PDB file of N, CA and C in Angstrom:
ATOM      1  N   UNK A   1      35.842 -69.473 -59.278  1.00  0.00           N
ATOM      2  CA  UNK A   1      34.759 -69.092 -59.997  1.00  0.00           C
ATOM      3  C   UNK A   1      34.844 -70.280 -60.994  1.00  0.00           C
ATOM      4  N   UNK A   2      36.626 -70.609 -61.114  1.00  0.00           N
ATOM      5  CA  UNK A   2      36.717 -71.614 -62.730  1.00  0.00           C
ATOM      6  C   UNK A   2      36.203 -72.720 -61.573  1.00  0.00           C
ATOM      7  N   UNK A   3      36.799 -72.895 -61.253  1.00  0.00           N
ATOM      8  CA  UNK A   3      36.424 -74.166 -60.335  1.00  0.00           C
ATOM      9  C   UNK A   3      34.670 -74.632 -60.250  1.00  0.00           C
ATOM     10  N   UNK A   4      34.563 -73.713 -59.942  1.00  0.00           N
ATOM     11  CA  UNK A   4      32.733 -73.894 -60.048  1.00  0.00           C
ATOM     12  C   UNK A   4      32.444 -74.268 -61.909  1.00  0.00           C
ATOM     13  N   UNK A   5      32.730 -73.913 -62.171  1.00  0.00           N
ATOM     14  CA  UNK A   5      32.484 -73.958 -63.101  1.00  0.00           C
ATOM     15  C   UNK A   5      33.198 -74.816 -63.687  1.00  0.00           C
ATOM     16  N   UNK A   6      34.181 -75.778 -63.004  1.00  0.00           N
ATOM     17  CA  UNK A   6      34.478 -76.816 -64.420  1.00  0.00           C
ATOM     18  C   UNK A   6      36.069 -77.033 -65.232  1.00  0.00           C
ATOM     19  N   UNK A   7      36.163 -75.353 -64.764  1.00  0.00           N
ATOM     20  CA  UNK A   7      37.738 -75.164 -65.921  1.00  0.00           C
ATOM     21  C   UNK A   7      38.511 -74.612 -65.559  1.00  0.00           C
ATOM     22  N   UNK A   8      38.948 -75.092 -64.055  1.00  0.00           N
ATOM     23  CA  UNK A   8      40.129 -74.679 -63.421  1.00  0.00           C
ATOM     24  C   UNK A   8      41.817 -74.721 -64.113  1.00  0.00           C
ATOM     25  N   UNK A   9      41.656 -75.604 -65.649  1.00  0.00           N
ATOM     26  CA  UNK A   9      42.864 -75.655 -66.332  1.00  0.00           C
ATOM     27  C   UNK A   9      43.057 -74.744 -67.196  1.00  0.00           C
ATOM     28  N   UNK A  10      41.723 -73.324 -67.315  1.00  0.00           N
ATOM     29  CA  UNK A  10      41.969 -72.056 -67.855  1.00  0.00           C
ATOM     30  C   UNK A  10      42.305 -70.740 -67.325  1.00  0.00           C
ATOM     31  N   UNK A  11      42.759 -71.511 -65.671  1.00  0.00           N
ATOM     32  CA  UNK A  11      42.947 -69.550 -64.599  1.00  0.00           C
ATOM     33  C   UNK A  11      44.456 -69.901 -64.858  1.00  0.00           C
ATOM     34  N   UNK A  12      45.110 -68.855 -65.038  1.00  0.00           N
ATOM     35  CA  UNK A  12      46.102 -67.965 -65.072  1.00  0.00           C
ATOM     36  C   UNK A  12      46.582 -66.717 -64.190  1.00  0.00           C
ATOM     37  N   UNK A  13      48.115 -66.868 -63.919  1.00  0.00           N
ATOM     38  CA  UNK A  13      48.694 -65.640 -63.455  1.00  0.00           C
ATOM     39  C   UNK A  13      50.205 -65.229 -63.425  1.00  0.00           C
ATOM     40  N   UNK A  14      50.320 -64.457 -64.234  1.00  0.00           N
ATOM     41  CA  UNK A  14      51.447 -63.503 -64.930  1.00  0.00           C
ATOM     42  C   UNK A  14      51.642 -62.837 -63.568  1.00  0.00           C
ATOM     43  N   UNK A  15      52.922 -63.710 -62.709  1.00  0.00           N
ATOM     44  CA  UNK A  15      53.961 -62.645 -61.349  1.00  0.00           C
ATOM     45  C   UNK A  15      54.701 -61.897 -61.982  1.00  0.00           C
ATOM     46  N   UNK A  16      54.459 -60.915 -61.859  1.00  0.00           N
ATOM     47  CA  UNK A  16      56.051 -59.297 -61.979  1.00  0.00           C
ATOM     48  C   UNK A  16      55.235 -58.950 -61.186  1.00  0.00           C
ATOM     49  N   UNK A  17      56.655 -59.501 -59.517  1.00  0.00           N
ATOM     50  CA  UNK A  17      57.437 -58.894 -58.777  1.00  0.00           C
ATOM     51  C   UNK A  17      57.957 -57.135 -58.761  1.00  0.00           C
ATOM     52  N   UNK A  18      58.396 -56.771 -59.499  1.00  0.00           N
ATOM     53  CA  UNK A  18      59.199 -55.438 -59.876  1.00  0.00           C
ATOM     54  C   UNK A  18      58.132 -55.091 -60.829  1.00  0.00           C
ATOM     55  N   UNK A  19      56.944 -55.189 -61.319  1.00  0.00           N
ATOM     56  CA  UNK A  19      56.562 -54.235 -62.029  1.00  0.00           C
ATOM     57  C   UNK A  19      56.017 -53.001 -61.370  1.00  0.00           C
ATOM     58  N   UNK A  20      55.420 -52.126 -61.746  1.00  0.00           N
ATOM     59  CA  UNK A  20      54.602 -50.963 -62.131  1.00  0.00           C
ATOM     60  C   UNK A  20      53.446 -51.460 -61.695  1.00  0.00           C
ATOM     61  N   UNK A  21      52.455 -50.133 -61.627  1.00  0.00           N
ATOM     62  CA  UNK A  21      51.009 -50.237 -61.645  1.00  0.00           C
ATOM     63  C   UNK A  21      51.141 -49.525 -63.420  1.00  0.00           C
ATOM     64  N   UNK A  22      51.378 -50.643 -64.322  1.00  0.00           N
ATOM     65  CA  UNK A  22      50.995 -49.858 -65.655  1.00  0.00           C
ATOM     66  C   UNK A  22      50.397 -51.094 -66.618  1.00  0.00           C
ATOM     67  N   UNK A  23      51.222 -50.307 -68.243  1.00  0.00           N
ATOM     68  CA  UNK A  23      51.089 -51.542 -68.791  1.00  0.00           C
ATOM     69  C   UNK A  23      51.978 -51.638 -69.342  1.00  0.00           C
ATOM     70  N   UNK A  24      52.972 -51.956 -68.935  1.00  0.00           N
ATOM     71  CA  UNK A  24      54.855 -52.058 -69.388  1.00  0.00           C
ATOM     72  C   UNK A  24      55.160 -53.184 -70.605  1.00  0.00           C
ATOM     73  N   UNK A  25      56.215 -53.504 -70.625  1.00  0.00           N
ATOM     74  CA  UNK A  25      56.234 -54.428 -71.788  1.00  0.00           C
ATOM     75  C   UNK A  25      56.314 -56.175 -71.500  1.00  0.00           C
ATOM     76  N   UNK A  26      56.961 -56.504 -70.271  1.00  0.00           N
ATOM     77  CA  UNK A  26      56.199 -57.570 -69.719  1.00  0.00           C
ATOM     78  C   UNK A  26      54.836 -57.913 -69.445  1.00  0.00           C
ATOM     79  N   UNK A  27      54.284 -56.755 -69.228  1.00  0.00           N
ATOM     80  CA  UNK A  27      52.464 -56.988 -68.597  1.00  0.00           C
ATOM     81  C   UNK A  27      51.836 -57.256 -70.307  1.00  0.00           C
ATOM     82  N   UNK A  28      52.469 -56.200 -71.463  1.00  0.00           N
ATOM     83  CA  UNK A  28      51.649 -56.497 -72.478  1.00  0.00           C
ATOM     84  C   UNK A  28      51.892 -57.702 -73.673  1.00  0.00           C
ATOM     85  N   UNK A  29      53.841 -58.056 -73.168  1.00  0.00           N
ATOM     86  CA  UNK A  29      54.301 -59.682 -73.534  1.00  0.00           C
ATOM     87  C   UNK A  29      52.640 -61.166 -73.403  1.00  0.00           C
ATOM     88  N   UNK A  30      52.957 -61.004 -71.637  1.00  0.00           N
ATOM     89  CA  UNK A  30      51.997 -61.906 -70.676  1.00  0.00           C
ATOM     90  C   UNK A  30      50.211 -62.020 -71.841  1.00  0.00           C
ATOM     91  N   UNK A  31      49.616 -60.312 -71.521  1.00  0.00           N
ATOM     92  CA  UNK A  31      48.448 -60.577 -72.320  1.00  0.00           C
ATOM     93  C   UNK A  31      48.680 -61.314 -73.713  1.00  0.00           C
ATOM     94  N   UNK A  32      49.127 -60.615 -75.011  1.00  0.00           N
ATOM     95  CA  UNK A  32      49.862 -61.551 -76.219  1.00  0.00           C
ATOM     96  C   UNK A  32      50.013 -62.574 -76.496  1.00  0.00           C
ATOM     97  N   UNK A  33      50.818 -62.970 -74.707  1.00  0.00           N
ATOM     98  CA  UNK A  33      50.523 -64.762 -75.190  1.00  0.00           C
ATOM     99  C   UNK A  33      49.089 -65.599 -74.759  1.00  0.00           C
ATOM    100  N   UNK A  34      48.932 -64.305 -73.881  1.00  0.00           N
ATOM    101  CA  UNK A  34      47.481 -65.749 -73.195  1.00  0.00           C
ATOM    102  C   UNK A  34      47.091 -65.513 -74.494  1.00  0.00           C
ATOM    103  N   UNK A  35      45.747 -64.127 -75.274  1.00  0.00           N
ATOM    104  CA  UNK A  35      44.993 -64.048 -76.271  1.00  0.00           C
ATOM    105  C   UNK A  35      46.116 -65.687 -77.535  1.00  0.00           C
ATOM    106  N   UNK A  36      47.350 -65.180 -77.662  1.00  0.00           N
ATOM    107  CA  UNK A  36      47.247 -66.067 -78.675  1.00  0.00           C
ATOM    108  C   UNK A  36      47.108 -67.924 -78.567  1.00  0.00           C
ATOM    109  N   UNK A  37      47.392 -67.619 -76.669  1.00  0.00           N
ATOM    110  CA  UNK A  37      46.516 -68.849 -76.719  1.00  0.00           C
ATOM    111  C   UNK A  37      44.941 -69.506 -76.897  1.00  0.00           C
ATOM    112  N   UNK A  38      44.964 -68.104 -75.967  1.00  0.00           N
ATOM    113  CA  UNK A  38      43.271 -69.023 -76.274  1.00  0.00           C
ATOM    114  C   UNK A  38      42.276 -68.872 -77.338  1.00  0.00           C
ATOM    115  N   UNK A  39      42.954 -67.660 -78.498  1.00  0.00           N
ATOM    116  CA  UNK A  39      42.381 -67.221 -79.486  1.00  0.00           C
ATOM    117  C   UNK A  39      42.330 -68.109 -80.921  1.00  0.00           C
ATOM    118  N   UNK A  40      43.608 -68.818 -80.474  1.00  0.00           N
ATOM    119  CA  UNK A  40      44.521 -69.513 -81.350  1.00  0.00           C
ATOM    120  C   UNK A  40      45.311 -69.061 -82.604  1.00  0.00           C
ATOM    121  N   UNK A  41      46.023 -67.782 -81.745  1.00  0.00           N
ATOM    122  CA  UNK A  41      47.011 -67.348 -83.279  1.00  0.00           C
ATOM    123  C   UNK A  41      48.431 -66.867 -82.769  1.00  0.00           C
ATOM    124  N   UNK A  42      48.772 -66.963 -84.096  1.00  0.00           N
ATOM    125  CA  UNK A  42      50.852 -67.206 -84.168  1.00  0.00           C
ATOM    126  C   UNK A  42      51.149 -65.766 -83.978  1.00  0.00           C
ATOM    127  N   UNK A  43      51.993 -65.907 -82.825  1.00  0.00           N
ATOM    128  CA  UNK A  43      52.573 -64.904 -82.395  1.00  0.00           C
ATOM    129  C   UNK A  43      54.759 -64.984 -83.302  1.00  0.00           C
ATOM    130  N   UNK A  44      54.406 -65.620 -84.051  1.00  0.00           N
ATOM    131  CA  UNK A  44      55.896 -66.181 -84.884  1.00  0.00           C
ATOM    132  C   UNK A  44      56.221 -64.411 -85.386  1.00  0.00           C
ATOM    133  N   UNK A  45      54.967 -63.544 -86.283  1.00  0.00           N
ATOM    134  CA  UNK A  45      55.612 -62.937 -86.876  1.00  0.00           C
ATOM    135  C   UNK A  45      56.128 -61.594 -85.902  1.00  0.00           C
ATOM    136  N   UNK A  46      55.148 -61.515 -84.697  1.00  0.00           N
ATOM    137  CA  UNK A  46      56.261 -60.816 -83.799  1.00  0.00           C
ATOM    138  C   UNK A  46      56.889 -60.671 -82.849  1.00  0.00           C
ATOM    139  N   UNK A  47      57.611 -61.940 -83.288  1.00  0.00           N
ATOM    140  CA  UNK A  47      58.582 -62.436 -82.087  1.00  0.00           C
ATOM    141  C   UNK A  47      60.060 -61.835 -83.088  1.00  0.00           C
ATOM    142  N   UNK A  48      61.004 -62.329 -82.673  1.00  0.00           N
ATOM    143  CA  UNK A  48      61.986 -61.381 -83.395  1.00  0.00           C
ATOM    144  C   UNK A  48      62.995 -62.889 -82.958  1.00  0.00           C
ATOM    145  N   UNK A  49      64.742 -62.902 -83.556  1.00  0.00           N
ATOM    146  CA  UNK A  49      65.167 -63.692 -83.555  1.00  0.00           C
ATOM    147  C   UNK A  49      65.724 -64.758 -82.188  1.00  0.00           C
ATOM    148  N   UNK A  50      66.017 -63.704 -81.145  1.00  0.00           N
ATOM    149  CA  UNK A  50      65.594 -64.537 -80.071  1.00  0.00           C
ATOM    150  C   UNK A  50      64.623 -64.838 -79.371  1.00  0.00           C
ATOM    151  N   UNK A  51      63.165 -64.427 -79.762  1.00  0.00           N
ATOM    152  CA  UNK A  51      62.000 -65.313 -79.488  1.00  0.00           C
ATOM    153  C   UNK A  51      61.513 -64.242 -78.802  1.00  0.00           C
ATOM    154  N   UNK A  52      62.051 -62.504 -78.878  1.00  0.00           N
ATOM    155  CA  UNK A  52      60.901 -61.704 -77.684  1.00  0.00           C
ATOM    156  C   UNK A  52      60.717 -61.315 -78.190  1.00  0.00           C
ATOM    157  N   UNK A  53      58.824 -60.573 -78.644  1.00  0.00           N
ATOM    158  CA  UNK A  53      58.119 -59.223 -79.019  1.00  0.00           C
ATOM    159  C   UNK A  53      58.230 -58.508 -78.914  1.00  0.00           C
ATOM    160  N   UNK A  54      58.191 -58.136 -81.108  1.00  0.00           N
ATOM    161  CA  UNK A  54      58.924 -56.922 -81.665  1.00  0.00           C
ATOM    162  C   UNK A  54      57.515 -56.442 -81.659  1.00  0.00           C
ATOM    163  N   UNK A  55      58.012 -55.371 -80.898  1.00  0.00           N
ATOM    164  CA  UNK A  55      57.265 -54.148 -81.272  1.00  0.00           C
ATOM    165  C   UNK A  55      57.697 -53.058 -81.944  1.00  0.00           C
ATOM    166  N   UNK A  56      58.533 -53.087 -82.449  1.00  0.00           N
ATOM    167  CA  UNK A  56      58.924 -51.630 -83.046  1.00  0.00           C
ATOM    168  C   UNK A  56      58.858 -51.460 -84.038  1.00  0.00           C
ATOM    169  N   UNK A  57      57.915 -52.025 -84.811  1.00  0.00           N
ATOM    170  CA  UNK A  57      56.804 -51.170 -85.450  1.00  0.00           C
ATOM    171  C   UNK A  57      55.457 -50.430 -85.047  1.00  0.00           C
ATOM    172  N   UNK A  58      55.356 -50.560 -83.314  1.00  0.00           N
ATOM    173  CA  UNK A  58      53.965 -49.971 -82.970  1.00  0.00           C
ATOM    174  C   UNK A  58      54.665 -48.377 -83.202  1.00  0.00           C
ATOM    175  N   UNK A  59      53.451 -47.729 -83.516  1.00  0.00           N
ATOM    176  CA  UNK A  59      53.385 -46.176 -83.206  1.00  0.00           C
ATOM    177  C   UNK A  59      53.115 -45.512 -82.712  1.00  0.00           C
ATOM    178  N   UNK A  60      53.382 -44.805 -81.153  1.00  0.00           N
ATOM    179  CA  UNK A  60      52.412 -44.524 -80.251  1.00  0.00           C
ATOM    180  C   UNK A  60      52.340 -42.751 -80.736  1.00  0.00           C
ATOM    181  N   UNK A  61      50.068 -42.829 -81.064  1.00  0.00           N
ATOM    182  CA  UNK A  61      50.360 -41.355 -81.635  1.00  0.00           C
ATOM    183  C   UNK A  61      49.859 -40.588 -80.581  1.00  0.00           C
ATOM    184  N   UNK A  62      50.155 -38.925 -80.453  1.00  0.00           N
ATOM    185  CA  UNK A  62      50.322 -37.327 -79.546  1.00  0.00           C
ATOM    186  C   UNK A  62      48.796 -38.648 -78.798  1.00  0.00           C
TER     187      UNK A  62
END
């Protein structure tokens, strides 16, 4: 489909062979990076000293 529209460079794949069928941390990080890249957002405020996305501020409601 992307090839038909002349946008092959916009296709991305995140391969997580050890991943479960969930929305776990590795998948969320992939989504954060994809959205930041395509929406021109800056992730530096979300990344800790080692460059990993820090979700410690997130509170999951019951």
